[in-house]
Each structure stands twice: as structure tokens, then as C-alpha cells.
Protein backbone atom coordinates (compact mmCIF):
# COMPACT_ATOMS: atom_id res chain seq x y z
CA MET A 1 -25.44 -31.33 -1.27
CA ALA A 2 -28.34 -31.90 -3.70
CA ARG A 3 -29.89 -35.36 -3.80
CA LEU A 4 -29.99 -37.39 -7.01
CA ASN A 5 -33.35 -36.84 -8.68
CA SER A 6 -34.36 -38.00 -12.17
CA SER A 7 -36.64 -34.98 -12.67
CA GLU A 8 -33.70 -32.55 -12.27
CA ILE A 9 -30.92 -34.68 -13.80
CA PRO A 10 -31.85 -35.63 -17.38
CA SER A 11 -29.03 -38.14 -17.86
CA LEU A 12 -30.15 -40.30 -14.90
CA ASP A 13 -33.42 -42.19 -15.12
CA GLU A 14 -35.26 -43.85 -12.23
CA ASP A 15 -33.67 -47.24 -12.87
CA VAL A 16 -30.13 -45.83 -12.72
CA ILE A 17 -30.91 -43.82 -9.58
CA SER A 18 -32.32 -46.93 -7.88
CA LYS A 19 -29.06 -48.77 -8.59
CA LEU A 20 -27.07 -45.88 -7.17
CA HIS A 21 -29.24 -45.73 -4.03
CA ALA A 22 -28.70 -49.46 -3.53
CA ARG A 23 -24.96 -48.71 -3.23
CA ASN A 24 -25.53 -45.79 -0.80
CA ILE A 25 -24.97 -43.14 -3.47
CA PHE A 26 -27.70 -40.62 -2.67
CA SER A 27 -26.31 -37.17 -3.47
CA VAL A 28 -24.32 -35.31 -6.11
CA TYR A 29 -21.34 -35.36 -3.76
CA ASP A 30 -21.59 -39.16 -3.39
CA PHE A 31 -21.73 -39.54 -7.17
CA MET A 32 -18.73 -37.25 -7.81
CA SER A 33 -16.69 -39.06 -5.13
CA GLN A 34 -16.90 -42.39 -6.95
CA PRO A 35 -14.36 -43.47 -9.60
CA CYS A 36 -15.78 -43.49 -13.12
CA GLU A 37 -15.14 -47.23 -13.53
CA ASP A 38 -17.18 -48.04 -10.39
CA LEU A 39 -20.09 -45.89 -11.60
CA MET A 40 -20.06 -47.66 -14.98
CA ARG A 41 -20.20 -51.04 -13.24
CA ILE A 42 -22.95 -50.00 -10.77
CA THR A 43 -25.22 -48.33 -13.32
CA GLY A 44 -24.45 -50.45 -16.39
CA THR A 45 -24.08 -47.27 -18.48
CA THR A 46 -21.33 -46.08 -20.81
CA PHE A 47 -18.29 -43.99 -20.03
CA LYS A 48 -19.67 -41.18 -22.22
CA ARG A 49 -22.91 -41.02 -20.23
CA ILE A 50 -21.07 -40.93 -16.91
CA GLU A 51 -18.83 -38.10 -18.14
CA GLU A 52 -21.85 -36.15 -19.42
CA THR A 53 -23.44 -36.49 -15.99
CA ARG A 54 -20.27 -35.31 -14.28
CA GLU A 55 -20.08 -32.26 -16.57
CA PHE A 56 -23.72 -31.47 -15.78
CA PHE A 57 -22.99 -31.62 -12.04
CA LEU A 58 -19.89 -29.42 -12.36
CA LYS A 59 -21.83 -26.83 -14.33
CA ASN A 60 -24.86 -26.73 -12.04
CA PHE A 61 -23.43 -27.58 -8.61
CA GLY A 62 -19.72 -26.78 -8.85
CA GLY A 63 -18.04 -23.65 -7.56
CA GLU A 64 -17.45 -20.63 -9.76
CA GLN A 65 -13.90 -20.05 -10.99
CA LEU A 66 -12.83 -16.45 -10.42
CA ASN A 67 -9.81 -14.38 -11.38
CA THR A 68 -7.67 -13.43 -8.36
CA LEU A 69 -6.82 -9.99 -9.74
CA LYS A 70 -10.50 -9.30 -10.32
CA ILE A 71 -11.27 -10.28 -6.73
CA HIS A 72 -8.49 -7.98 -5.46
CA ASP A 73 -9.82 -5.02 -7.43
CA GLN A 74 -13.39 -5.78 -6.39
CA GLU A 75 -12.46 -5.71 -2.70
CA PHE A 76 -11.35 -2.08 -3.03
CA GLU A 77 -14.43 -1.12 -5.04
CA ASP A 78 -16.91 -2.79 -2.68
CA VAL A 79 -16.36 -0.41 0.24
CA ILE A 80 -19.00 2.11 1.32
CA PRO A 81 -17.70 5.03 3.45
CA ILE A 82 -19.81 5.86 6.50
CA GLY A 83 -19.03 9.58 6.34
CA LEU A 84 -16.97 9.88 9.55
CA ASN A 85 -13.28 10.00 8.69
CA ASN A 86 -12.02 8.53 11.96
CA LEU A 87 -14.57 5.68 11.91
CA ASP A 88 -13.91 4.99 8.23
CA SER A 89 -10.18 4.84 9.06
CA LEU A 90 -10.91 2.41 11.89
CA LEU A 91 -12.77 0.18 9.40
CA GLN A 92 -10.11 0.57 6.69
CA GLY A 93 -12.24 2.65 4.35
CA GLY A 94 -15.79 2.01 5.58
CA LEU A 95 -18.24 -0.87 5.38
CA HIS A 96 -16.96 -3.72 3.23
CA CYS A 97 -19.31 -5.80 1.11
CA ARG A 98 -19.55 -9.49 2.07
CA TYR A 99 -19.00 -8.64 5.76
CA ILE A 100 -21.33 -9.09 8.72
CA TYR A 101 -20.90 -6.20 11.18
CA GLU A 102 -22.13 -6.05 14.75
CA ILE A 103 -22.63 -2.91 16.83
CA CYS A 104 -22.63 -3.64 20.56
CA GLY A 105 -23.34 -1.29 23.41
CA ALA A 106 -25.26 -0.60 26.59
CA PRO A 107 -28.74 0.96 26.48
CA SER A 108 -28.66 4.57 25.17
CA ALA A 109 -25.09 4.17 23.98
CA GLY A 110 -26.08 5.30 20.48
CA LYS A 111 -26.41 2.03 18.56
CA SER A 112 -29.64 2.97 16.77
CA GLN A 113 -28.36 6.51 16.23
CA LEU A 114 -25.37 5.04 14.40
CA CYS A 115 -27.69 2.85 12.32
CA HIS A 116 -29.72 5.93 11.31
CA TRP A 117 -26.52 7.76 10.39
CA ILE A 118 -25.34 4.82 8.24
CA SER A 119 -28.75 4.60 6.55
CA ALA A 120 -28.81 8.30 5.68
CA ARG A 121 -25.20 8.72 4.61
CA VAL A 122 -24.73 5.64 2.44
CA THR A 123 -27.96 6.24 0.52
CA GLN A 124 -27.13 9.93 0.15
CA ASN A 125 -23.63 9.39 -1.23
CA SER A 126 -24.20 6.27 -3.32
CA SER A 127 -26.89 4.26 -5.07
CA ALA A 128 -26.97 1.72 -2.25
CA GLU A 129 -30.21 0.38 -0.81
CA VAL A 130 -30.83 0.04 2.92
CA HIS A 131 -33.17 -2.61 4.30
CA TYR A 132 -33.83 -1.59 7.89
CA ILE A 133 -35.31 -4.46 9.94
CA ASP A 134 -36.83 -2.80 13.00
CA THR A 135 -37.61 -5.11 15.91
CA SER A 136 -38.33 -2.52 18.61
CA LYS A 137 -39.75 0.49 16.73
CA ASN A 138 -36.44 2.33 16.89
CA PHE A 139 -36.54 3.56 13.31
CA CYS A 140 -37.48 7.23 13.01
CA ALA A 141 -37.90 8.78 9.55
CA SER A 142 -37.76 12.29 11.02
CA ARG A 143 -34.29 11.50 12.40
CA ILE A 144 -33.14 10.63 8.87
CA GLN A 145 -34.58 13.95 7.70
CA MET A 146 -32.73 15.85 10.46
CA ILE A 147 -29.42 14.28 9.39
CA LEU A 148 -30.02 15.24 5.78
CA GLU A 149 -31.20 18.76 6.58
CA ALA A 150 -28.05 19.35 8.64
CA LYS A 151 -26.11 18.69 5.43
CA GLN A 152 -28.41 21.16 3.60
CA SER A 153 -29.66 18.40 1.31
CA SER A 154 -32.20 19.36 -1.33
CA ASP A 155 -35.73 17.97 -1.40
CA GLU A 156 -34.65 15.79 -4.30
CA ILE A 157 -31.85 14.21 -2.24
CA VAL A 158 -34.18 13.73 0.74
CA GLY A 159 -36.69 11.99 -1.53
CA LYS A 160 -33.98 9.77 -3.01
CA VAL A 161 -32.70 8.75 0.42
CA MET A 162 -36.17 8.02 1.79
CA SER A 163 -37.07 5.90 -1.25
CA ASN A 164 -33.85 3.87 -0.89
CA ILE A 165 -34.53 2.95 2.75
CA ARG A 166 -37.03 0.12 3.15
CA VAL A 167 -38.27 -0.49 6.69
CA TYR A 168 -39.58 -3.83 7.98
CA ARG A 169 -41.38 -3.86 11.34
CA ILE A 170 -41.21 -7.34 12.84
CA ILE A 171 -42.05 -8.87 16.22
CA SER A 172 -40.71 -12.45 16.14
CA ILE A 173 -37.74 -14.51 15.01
CA TYR A 174 -39.99 -16.15 12.41
CA ASP A 175 -40.78 -12.72 10.92
CA LEU A 176 -37.04 -12.01 10.76
CA LEU A 177 -36.26 -15.29 9.01
CA GLY A 178 -39.08 -14.62 6.55
CA VAL A 179 -37.67 -11.19 5.66
CA LEU A 180 -34.11 -12.53 5.40
CA HIS A 181 -35.13 -15.43 3.15
CA ASN A 182 -36.99 -13.00 0.92
CA LEU A 183 -33.88 -10.80 0.70
CA ALA A 184 -31.78 -13.90 -0.02
CA ASP A 185 -34.08 -14.81 -2.91
CA GLN A 186 -33.76 -11.26 -4.25
CA ALA A 187 -29.96 -11.45 -4.01
CA LYS A 188 -29.93 -14.77 -5.86
CA LYS A 189 -32.12 -13.47 -8.70
CA SER A 190 -30.73 -9.93 -8.92
CA LYS A 191 -28.73 -9.03 -12.02
CA THR A 192 -27.91 -5.46 -10.93
CA SER A 193 -24.76 -4.18 -9.22
CA VAL A 194 -26.63 -2.16 -6.58
CA LYS A 195 -25.05 -2.54 -3.15
CA ARG A 196 -27.39 -3.40 -0.27
CA ILE A 197 -27.07 -2.87 3.46
CA ILE A 198 -29.31 -4.95 5.72
CA ILE A 199 -29.61 -3.51 9.25
CA ILE A 200 -31.17 -5.59 12.05
CA ASP A 201 -32.01 -3.28 14.97
CA SER A 202 -31.87 -5.15 17.23
CA LEU A 203 -31.42 -8.94 17.40
CA PRO A 204 -31.48 -9.81 21.16
CA ILE A 205 -35.04 -8.59 21.68
CA LEU A 206 -36.35 -11.34 19.38
CA PHE A 207 -34.80 -13.99 21.63
CA SER A 208 -36.21 -12.69 24.92
CA LEU A 209 -39.12 -15.16 24.87
CA ILE A 210 -37.33 -18.08 23.22
CA PRO A 211 -36.26 -20.97 25.51
CA PRO A 212 -32.47 -21.17 25.90
CA TYR A 213 -32.33 -24.68 24.41
CA GLU A 214 -33.79 -23.35 21.13
CA MET A 215 -31.56 -20.28 20.80
CA ASN A 216 -28.64 -21.84 18.94
CA ARG A 217 -30.94 -23.40 16.36
CA HIS A 218 -32.50 -20.05 15.50
CA LEU A 219 -29.16 -18.23 15.68
CA SER A 220 -27.70 -20.77 13.28
CA ASN A 221 -30.55 -20.12 10.83
CA VAL A 222 -30.06 -16.34 11.08
CA ALA A 223 -26.29 -16.66 10.62
CA SER A 224 -26.65 -18.99 7.61
CA VAL A 225 -29.07 -16.72 5.76
CA CYS A 226 -26.99 -13.61 6.52
CA ARG A 227 -23.85 -15.30 5.20
CA PHE A 228 -25.71 -16.39 2.08
CA ILE A 229 -26.91 -12.82 1.47
CA VAL A 230 -23.47 -11.22 1.84
CA ASN A 231 -21.72 -13.91 -0.21
CA THR A 232 -24.26 -13.96 -3.04
CA GLY A 233 -24.48 -10.26 -3.84
CA GLN A 234 -22.83 -6.94 -3.07
CA ALA A 235 -24.35 -6.84 0.39
CA ILE A 236 -23.47 -5.87 3.97
CA VAL A 237 -25.28 -6.95 7.12
CA VAL A 238 -25.21 -4.73 10.23
CA ILE A 239 -26.62 -6.23 13.43
CA VAL A 240 -27.30 -4.39 16.68
CA ASN A 241 -26.54 -6.36 19.82
CA SER A 242 -26.65 -5.56 23.53
CA LEU A 243 -24.18 -6.40 26.30
CA ARG A 244 -24.35 -8.75 29.23
CA THR A 245 -22.18 -8.52 32.31
CA GLU A 246 -21.03 -11.50 34.36
CA ARG A 247 -18.97 -11.72 37.51
CA ASP A 248 -16.71 -14.53 36.44
CA ARG A 249 -13.03 -15.36 36.23
CA THR A 250 -13.33 -17.13 32.88
CA ILE A 251 -12.91 -14.31 30.38
CA PHE A 252 -13.88 -14.10 26.71
CA ALA A 253 -10.76 -13.15 24.74
CA ALA A 254 -12.19 -9.81 23.58
CA SER A 255 -13.95 -8.90 26.81
CA THR A 256 -13.48 -5.72 28.80
CA THR A 257 -12.87 -6.09 32.52
CA THR A 258 -13.06 -3.95 35.62
CA THR A 259 -12.84 -4.67 39.34
CA LEU A 260 -15.52 -4.01 41.95
CA ASP A 261 -14.94 -3.80 45.68
CA ASP A 262 -17.64 -5.78 47.49
CA GLU A 263 -17.98 -3.99 50.82
CA SER A 264 -19.67 -6.98 52.48
CA SER A 265 -16.87 -9.42 51.76
CA ARG A 266 -14.00 -7.04 50.97
CA LEU A 267 -13.20 -9.26 47.96
CA THR A 268 -12.33 -8.11 44.46
CA THR A 269 -14.68 -9.54 41.83
CA LEU A 270 -13.88 -9.66 38.12
CA VAL A 271 -16.59 -8.17 35.88
CA ASP A 272 -16.73 -9.66 32.38
CA THR A 273 -18.62 -7.75 29.67
CA ARG A 274 -19.62 -9.82 26.64
CA PRO A 275 -21.94 -9.54 23.65
CA SER A 276 -25.41 -10.94 24.22
CA LEU A 277 -26.75 -14.05 22.44
CA GLY A 278 -24.29 -16.51 23.92
CA THR A 279 -21.06 -18.22 22.96
CA TYR A 280 -22.24 -19.50 19.57
CA TRP A 281 -22.93 -16.00 18.26
CA GLN A 282 -19.55 -14.54 19.30
CA LEU A 283 -17.82 -15.91 16.20
CA VAL A 284 -20.54 -15.07 13.65
CA PRO A 285 -19.81 -11.37 12.83
CA ASN A 286 -16.74 -10.54 10.76
CA VAL A 287 -16.35 -7.23 12.61
CA ARG A 288 -17.67 -6.29 16.05
CA LEU A 289 -17.75 -2.65 17.21
CA LEU A 290 -18.29 -1.53 20.78
CA ILE A 291 -19.91 1.88 21.25
CA SER A 292 -19.91 3.42 24.73
CA ARG A 293 -20.75 6.73 26.36
CA VAL A 294 -17.84 8.95 27.40
CA GLU A 295 -18.73 9.99 30.95
CA ASP A 296 -22.05 11.86 31.08
CA SER A 297 -21.87 13.62 27.73
CA SER A 298 -22.90 13.42 24.10
CA ARG A 299 -19.53 11.95 23.19
CA ARG A 300 -19.20 8.30 22.23
CA GLU A 301 -16.17 6.05 21.98
CA ILE A 302 -16.27 3.44 19.21
CA SER A 303 -13.70 0.65 19.44
CA LEU A 304 -12.86 -2.31 17.24
CA TRP A 305 -13.75 -5.14 19.60
CA LYS A 306 -13.31 -8.12 17.32
CA SER A 307 -12.44 -8.80 13.70
CA MET A 308 -11.31 -11.73 11.57
CA GLN A 309 -10.08 -9.38 8.81
CA LEU A 310 -9.02 -6.08 10.42
CA THR A 311 -5.84 -6.26 12.46
CA GLU A 312 -5.96 -3.28 14.83
CA ILE A 313 -8.11 -4.86 17.55
CA GLY A 314 -8.73 -2.40 20.36
CA LYS A 315 -8.22 0.70 18.20
CA LYS A 316 -10.69 3.46 19.09
CA CYS A 317 -12.18 6.65 17.72
CA ASN A 318 -14.35 9.33 19.32
CA VAL A 319 -17.49 10.91 17.90
CA GLU A 320 -20.19 13.23 19.20
CA ILE A 321 -23.94 12.86 18.79
CA VAL A 322 -25.55 16.10 17.61
CA ASP A 323 -28.86 17.10 16.03
CA GLY A 324 -27.36 16.47 12.61
CA GLY A 325 -26.21 12.97 13.45
CA PHE A 326 -22.55 12.41 14.33
CA LEU A 327 -19.45 14.61 14.32
CA GLN A 328 -15.84 13.52 14.47
CA VAL A 329 -14.19 14.75 17.66
CA ILE A 330 -11.41 17.20 16.74
CA GLY A 331 -7.96 15.84 17.53
CA ASP A 332 -9.10 12.21 17.47
């Protein structure tokens, strides 16, 4: 909570603030927690002045009062379809504003392909902006063009889509935090209703050279800024994550398991597949999707691995990667 400062709070001068500090009242929260009579006695000011200060704090630091019906209607409006009926059904309409999504999968599972598809389709079918944060040079503008050309999009549509996708090439966690803070400032100052999708492709690579004891600190910073962005404006964050496999009998609740026969010991070992980035990160995304290859083919299975809002955990859909992006598998 904000600290008491005479330069930002006109009704409190330095003398009054010194008296408050002497009684361990340092922040707006501390001030608002005190009974009015105690504040009058501590500061030696009038009841009217204390009430004026309280009203100033409520106006500038208090929460915004919203209409429940308006929030309900807004939740239905703030959904951006991905353009694949079965995947949109899995996500109850598409990507929801104010959500953090995570796409997990093994190498070559199609995570970046899905990010390209999302970038092309949402900017083609709406006025949304995509901010594509590329950590491993996965972004390919020609792939976006192929997706659009497969839909027989005009040059005007192609130009619109390309202009609404902003790409950031970064190489460190500090670059990422810089971009995210800049986007957070834009969200705070923006007065437009344009929806924004921030894609981070991918996050684990930025942590490959960071010591383990510093990971949670940086992950906490990333999570905090992402939450601020989605809660401040009509924004969605999509994060690409990899998988890690452990042979362990302590299983994460949403893990997938198989058994391996160790020929040397003839013992059955439990294989636990989890998202990368450790235990702290597992609870950060609102929705986690797992994309995996179906045998040795162009088909992919996308399953709802974890969600705090969607109820059908484990529900799956099948898609196929083609030159024009993705196709829904018939009969799925």
C-alpha cells in the first residue's frame, strides 16, 4: 500500500506525517485502519480534516465499485474465438480476457504453430492486437501469410493482420520484464476498448542460465506483471511452456503417468510429466493446455490439463497441422 507522503497528499503536511510515523502509521492502509478519534488525538487536527483525508484515500487508492450485471455481460463479450470449433468448445467459447493461458508440450508438439494460428486468426476476425514476445526466434511472418492465404484473404486483410502483430525479440528475463512493464504502462494509460493478446514464446528458455535459487523471484515478477496486465485492460496472456519428466512416486495432481519396465532391475517405475518452471509456477496460469503428437503424424491432441475456471479437466480435442495452419479433425 502507498506510503504517506506530504507531496502526494495535500491534506497532510510534514508535521502531521511525522506525528503519524511516531505512532507506526506509515501507509494509507495504516491510516485507514485507525479509528477517527485516535487520528484526531495523534495529529491534533479536526474531524473534518480527517474525513477529507479519508475521502481522498478512498477516491485515489480504494477499489472500483462495479455493477454485477455489467460484469456478467462483459464476461460474455470479452471472449475471442480461436477459429477451431472443437478447441473453442473446449475453452467455452475461445480465449477469455483477464485470463493467463499456458500451452505445454514436448519439442515439436506444435506449441509455436498454435501461437501463430492464434495470432493470425484473432487479428483477422477482430480488431485485437497481438504482442508476440519471441525468445527463441520462433516467430515466422511467412507462416502467418500462409495461414491467411489458405483462407484466401485479400492483400488488405493480410496488411491489417501484419500491422496488428507486434513482435519483440528478447534474449533475457530482464528484456522480458522490460517489455511487460511497458505493456502494463500502456494498459494503465489506454482509454480504448481494443483487446490485446500477449504471447510469450517461450518462457523456460529465459531461465536456462538463471540459478535455481533466483528462479522464484523472477517468476513472481513475471506473474505479477502478467496479472496486472490482464486485470487492468481487456487483455489475454498466452505463455508457452515445455515439459519435464521425473521418475517419482509423488505425483502432481494434474500430471500424466505411464509405467516403464526397467530390464536391469525388472521394477516398474512411475513416470511423472509436469510443466517446467517448478512448483511455484504450476498455480499461476488460469488455464493450462497440453498439446501432444498423435503417433507419428500431423495430428495433435489438445487437452485441458488444468483450470481454475473451466470445469471439464481432461477433456480433449483433436486437430491436424496443415500448410494453412490447423484443421479440426472430422468426427472429433
